[in-house]
């Protein structure tokens, strides 16, 4: 199954709906945070047009 290519803005919107909060921004990267069931998550989302899959150009 192929995953869709998303922009950073779209990814932040999805994570906000999933209960994440924006913690900080450093340059062009937004740091988000969520704690659920004692598990802390802290994804970093680059603010680029399209978020490319790792290892692909």
C-alpha atoms as a PDB file:
ATOM      1  CA  UNK A   1       0.000   0.000   0.000  1.00  0.00           C
ATOM      2  CA  UNK A   2       1.389   3.375  -0.999  1.00  0.00           C
ATOM      3  CA  UNK A   3       1.206   6.151   1.552  1.00  0.00           C
ATOM      4  CA  UNK A   4       0.118   9.608   0.389  1.00  0.00           C
ATOM      5  CA  UNK A   5       2.688  12.390   0.163  1.00  0.00           C
ATOM      6  CA  UNK A   6       1.703  15.112   2.634  1.00  0.00           C
ATOM      7  CA  UNK A   7       2.852  18.653   3.221  1.00  0.00           C
ATOM      8  CA  UNK A   8       4.130  19.629   6.657  1.00  0.00           C
ATOM      9  CA  UNK A   9       1.006  21.742   7.165  1.00  0.00           C
ATOM     10  CA  UNK A  10      -1.247  18.753   6.430  1.00  0.00           C
ATOM     11  CA  UNK A  11       0.751  16.530   8.813  1.00  0.00           C
ATOM     12  CA  UNK A  12       0.493  19.076  11.654  1.00  0.00           C
ATOM     13  CA  UNK A  13      -3.272  19.299  11.091  1.00  0.00           C
ATOM     14  CA  UNK A  14      -3.607  15.499  11.328  1.00  0.00           C
ATOM     15  CA  UNK A  15      -1.485  15.323  14.488  1.00  0.00           C
ATOM     16  CA  UNK A  16      -3.499  18.127  16.139  1.00  0.00           C
ATOM     17  CA  UNK A  17      -6.689  16.132  15.491  1.00  0.00           C
ATOM     18  CA  UNK A  18      -5.003  13.113  17.124  1.00  0.00           C
ATOM     19  CA  UNK A  19      -4.407  15.054  20.337  1.00  0.00           C
ATOM     20  CA  UNK A  20      -0.890  16.384  19.787  1.00  0.00           C
ATOM     21  CA  UNK A  21       0.011  19.950  20.761  1.00  0.00           C
ATOM     22  CA  UNK A  22       2.607  22.247  19.220  1.00  0.00           C
ATOM     23  CA  UNK A  23       5.444  22.462  21.718  1.00  0.00           C
ATOM     24  CA  UNK A  24       8.037  24.551  19.870  1.00  0.00           C
ATOM     25  CA  UNK A  25       9.355  25.547  16.460  1.00  0.00           C
ATOM     26  CA  UNK A  26      13.016  25.590  15.494  1.00  0.00           C
ATOM     27  CA  UNK A  27      13.665  26.989  12.052  1.00  0.00           C
ATOM     28  CA  UNK A  28      11.457  25.141   9.595  1.00  0.00           C
ATOM     29  CA  UNK A  29      10.624  22.261  11.984  1.00  0.00           C
ATOM     30  CA  UNK A  30       7.623  22.100  14.336  1.00  0.00           C
ATOM     31  CA  UNK A  31       8.063  20.038  17.501  1.00  0.00           C
ATOM     32  CA  UNK A  32       4.840  18.470  18.743  1.00  0.00           C
ATOM     33  CA  UNK A  33       3.990  16.591  21.945  1.00  0.00           C
ATOM     34  CA  UNK A  34       1.414  14.172  23.349  1.00  0.00           C
ATOM     35  CA  UNK A  35       1.310  12.015  26.448  1.00  0.00           C
ATOM     36  CA  UNK A  36      -1.203   9.186  26.440  1.00  0.00           C
ATOM     37  CA  UNK A  37      -1.361   6.165  28.748  1.00  0.00           C
ATOM     38  CA  UNK A  38       1.977   7.190  30.277  1.00  0.00           C
ATOM     39  CA  UNK A  39       3.724   7.163  26.879  1.00  0.00           C
ATOM     40  CA  UNK A  40       5.294  10.428  25.717  1.00  0.00           C
ATOM     41  CA  UNK A  41       5.547  11.117  21.982  1.00  0.00           C
ATOM     42  CA  UNK A  42       7.456  14.036  20.487  1.00  0.00           C
ATOM     43  CA  UNK A  43       7.383  14.021  16.666  1.00  0.00           C
ATOM     44  CA  UNK A  44       9.237  16.672  14.689  1.00  0.00           C
ATOM     45  CA  UNK A  45       7.466  17.789  11.502  1.00  0.00           C
ATOM     46  CA  UNK A  46       9.435  19.597   8.781  1.00  0.00           C
ATOM     47  CA  UNK A  47       7.539  22.468   7.182  1.00  0.00           C
ATOM     48  CA  UNK A  48       8.273  21.661   3.547  1.00  0.00           C
ATOM     49  CA  UNK A  49       5.873  21.483   0.612  1.00  0.00           C
ATOM     50  CA  UNK A  50       5.970  17.688   0.517  1.00  0.00           C
ATOM     51  CA  UNK A  51       7.317  15.383   3.210  1.00  0.00           C
ATOM     52  CA  UNK A  52       9.315  12.820   1.265  1.00  0.00           C
ATOM     53  CA  UNK A  53       9.634   9.230   2.378  1.00  0.00           C
ATOM     54  CA  UNK A  54      12.984   8.527   4.012  1.00  0.00           C
ATOM     55  CA  UNK A  55      15.438   7.019   1.565  1.00  0.00           C
ATOM     56  CA  UNK A  56      13.535   8.210  -1.540  1.00  0.00           C
ATOM     57  CA  UNK A  57      14.171  11.244  -3.695  1.00  0.00           C
END
